[in-house]
Amino acid sequence: MLRFLLPLSILVFLALPAHAAPIPDVPAKDMVTMVDLGAKACIPCKMMMPVMDALEKEYAGKAAIIFIDVWENPDQSKKYGLKSIPTQIFYDRQGKEVFRHEGFFDKKPISEILDKLLAQ
């Protein structure tokens, strides 16, 4: 019996995500928030990575810029009603969804949306 349990426990361990990071609160409390829902291995999502890095630096302390990997956290796809990835969702300070975009999204139009939300 023990020889069957050990392989089973190894399979269960291997099935768990390697680095499943805790999922942050979305939207961030009392903050303009942009969440990018994608996967580290999808090509358009990979194209979003430098955009997200630049946005995180530019809007640090002003707006929450969040990435959630929906392949590592499959329950998040249903939670946000995703049709495709990447999907970017924008929230105002009150936590209301105000804009949604599917696919690669360049930094300039994202910044315009964030700046407009921050000015409100």
Protein backbone atom coordinates (compact mmCIF):
# COMPACT_ATOMS: atom_id res chain seq x y z
CA MET A 1 0.00 0.00 0.00
CA LEU A 2 2.82 2.42 0.86
CA ARG A 3 4.42 1.93 -2.56
CA PHE A 4 1.20 3.26 -4.18
CA LEU A 5 0.88 6.28 -1.89
CA LEU A 6 4.35 7.64 -2.58
CA PRO A 7 3.89 7.91 -6.38
CA LEU A 8 0.44 9.37 -5.82
CA SER A 9 1.81 12.04 -3.48
CA ILE A 10 4.50 12.92 -6.04
CA LEU A 11 1.84 13.32 -8.75
CA VAL A 12 -0.25 15.58 -6.52
CA PHE A 13 2.81 17.70 -5.75
CA LEU A 14 3.74 18.01 -9.44
CA ALA A 15 0.18 19.06 -10.33
CA LEU A 16 0.36 22.09 -8.04
CA PRO A 17 1.48 25.40 -9.62
CA ALA A 18 5.18 25.96 -8.97
CA HIS A 19 4.97 29.62 -8.02
CA ALA A 20 1.31 30.39 -7.49
CA ALA A 21 1.61 33.88 -6.07
CA PRO A 22 -1.17 35.22 -3.88
CA ILE A 23 -3.76 37.06 -5.92
CA PRO A 24 -3.97 40.75 -4.98
CA ASP A 25 -7.26 42.48 -4.25
CA VAL A 26 -8.81 43.83 -7.44
CA PRO A 27 -9.69 46.61 -7.56
CA ALA A 28 -7.23 48.05 -5.04
CA LYS A 29 -9.03 49.87 -2.22
CA ASP A 30 -9.51 53.60 -2.91
CA MET A 31 -7.13 53.50 -5.91
CA VAL A 32 -7.42 53.66 -9.65
CA THR A 33 -6.63 50.11 -10.75
CA MET A 34 -5.63 48.42 -13.98
CA VAL A 35 -5.50 44.64 -14.01
CA ASP A 36 -3.95 42.72 -16.88
CA LEU A 37 -5.26 39.15 -17.05
CA GLY A 38 -3.10 36.88 -19.14
CA ALA A 39 -0.48 34.16 -18.97
CA LYS A 40 3.29 34.31 -18.84
CA ALA A 41 3.51 31.86 -21.76
CA CYS A 42 1.04 33.47 -24.21
CA ILE A 43 2.70 35.54 -26.98
CA PRO A 44 0.54 38.72 -26.79
CA CYS A 45 0.73 38.48 -22.99
CA LYS A 46 4.54 38.36 -23.21
CA MET A 47 4.38 41.49 -25.35
CA MET A 48 2.48 43.18 -22.49
CA MET A 49 5.25 42.50 -19.95
CA PRO A 50 7.49 45.51 -20.79
CA VAL A 51 4.39 47.73 -20.96
CA MET A 52 3.29 46.51 -17.52
CA ASP A 53 6.78 47.01 -16.08
CA ALA A 54 6.89 50.61 -17.37
CA LEU A 55 3.38 51.33 -16.06
CA GLU A 56 4.21 49.92 -12.61
CA LYS A 57 7.19 52.30 -12.37
CA GLU A 58 5.39 55.33 -13.81
CA TYR A 59 2.24 54.97 -11.69
CA ALA A 60 3.83 53.72 -8.45
CA GLY A 61 1.89 55.21 -5.53
CA LYS A 62 -0.73 56.71 -7.88
CA ALA A 63 -2.49 53.70 -9.43
CA ALA A 64 -2.44 49.96 -8.84
CA ILE A 65 -1.06 48.04 -11.84
CA ILE A 66 -1.74 44.32 -11.38
CA PHE A 67 -1.00 41.21 -13.44
CA ILE A 68 -2.84 37.94 -12.84
CA ASP A 69 -1.75 34.76 -14.64
CA VAL A 70 -5.00 32.98 -15.46
CA TRP A 71 -3.22 29.77 -16.48
CA GLU A 72 -1.77 29.51 -12.98
CA ASN A 73 -5.09 30.69 -11.46
CA PRO A 74 -7.80 29.30 -13.78
CA ASP A 75 -10.66 30.33 -11.47
CA GLN A 76 -9.84 33.97 -12.26
CA SER A 77 -10.95 33.58 -15.92
CA LYS A 78 -14.49 32.87 -14.84
CA LYS A 79 -14.41 35.49 -12.08
CA TYR A 80 -13.63 38.23 -14.61
CA GLY A 81 -15.71 36.80 -17.48
CA LEU A 82 -12.76 36.51 -19.84
CA LYS A 83 -13.28 35.73 -23.51
CA SER A 84 -9.61 35.99 -24.48
CA ILE A 85 -6.22 36.90 -23.06
CA PRO A 86 -4.71 39.28 -22.47
CA THR A 87 -7.59 41.35 -21.14
CA GLN A 88 -7.08 44.66 -19.35
CA ILE A 89 -9.73 45.96 -16.97
CA PHE A 90 -9.72 49.49 -15.54
CA TYR A 91 -11.43 50.54 -12.30
CA ASP A 92 -12.04 54.01 -10.89
CA ARG A 93 -11.24 54.95 -7.27
CA GLN A 94 -14.66 53.72 -6.15
CA GLY A 95 -13.95 50.25 -7.56
CA LYS A 96 -16.32 50.50 -10.52
CA GLU A 97 -15.21 48.88 -13.78
CA VAL A 98 -15.02 51.68 -16.34
CA PHE A 99 -13.23 50.15 -19.33
CA ARG A 100 -12.22 46.75 -20.67
CA HIS A 101 -9.88 45.87 -23.55
CA GLU A 102 -9.02 42.48 -25.09
CA GLY A 103 -5.65 41.78 -26.73
CA PHE A 104 -2.32 43.57 -26.70
CA PHE A 105 -2.68 47.16 -25.49
CA ASP A 106 0.11 49.69 -25.99
CA LYS A 107 1.36 51.95 -23.21
CA LYS A 108 0.14 55.28 -24.64
CA PRO A 109 -3.61 54.49 -24.68
CA ILE A 110 -3.33 52.79 -21.27
CA SER A 111 -1.64 55.89 -19.84
CA GLU A 112 -4.37 58.10 -21.31
CA ILE A 113 -7.06 56.03 -19.56
CA LEU A 114 -5.17 55.97 -16.26
CA ASP A 115 -4.48 59.73 -16.40
CA LYS A 116 -8.15 60.44 -17.10
CA LEU A 117 -9.21 58.25 -14.14
CA LEU A 118 -6.63 59.88 -11.86
CA ALA A 119 -7.88 63.36 -12.81
CA GLN A 120 -11.44 62.54 -11.75
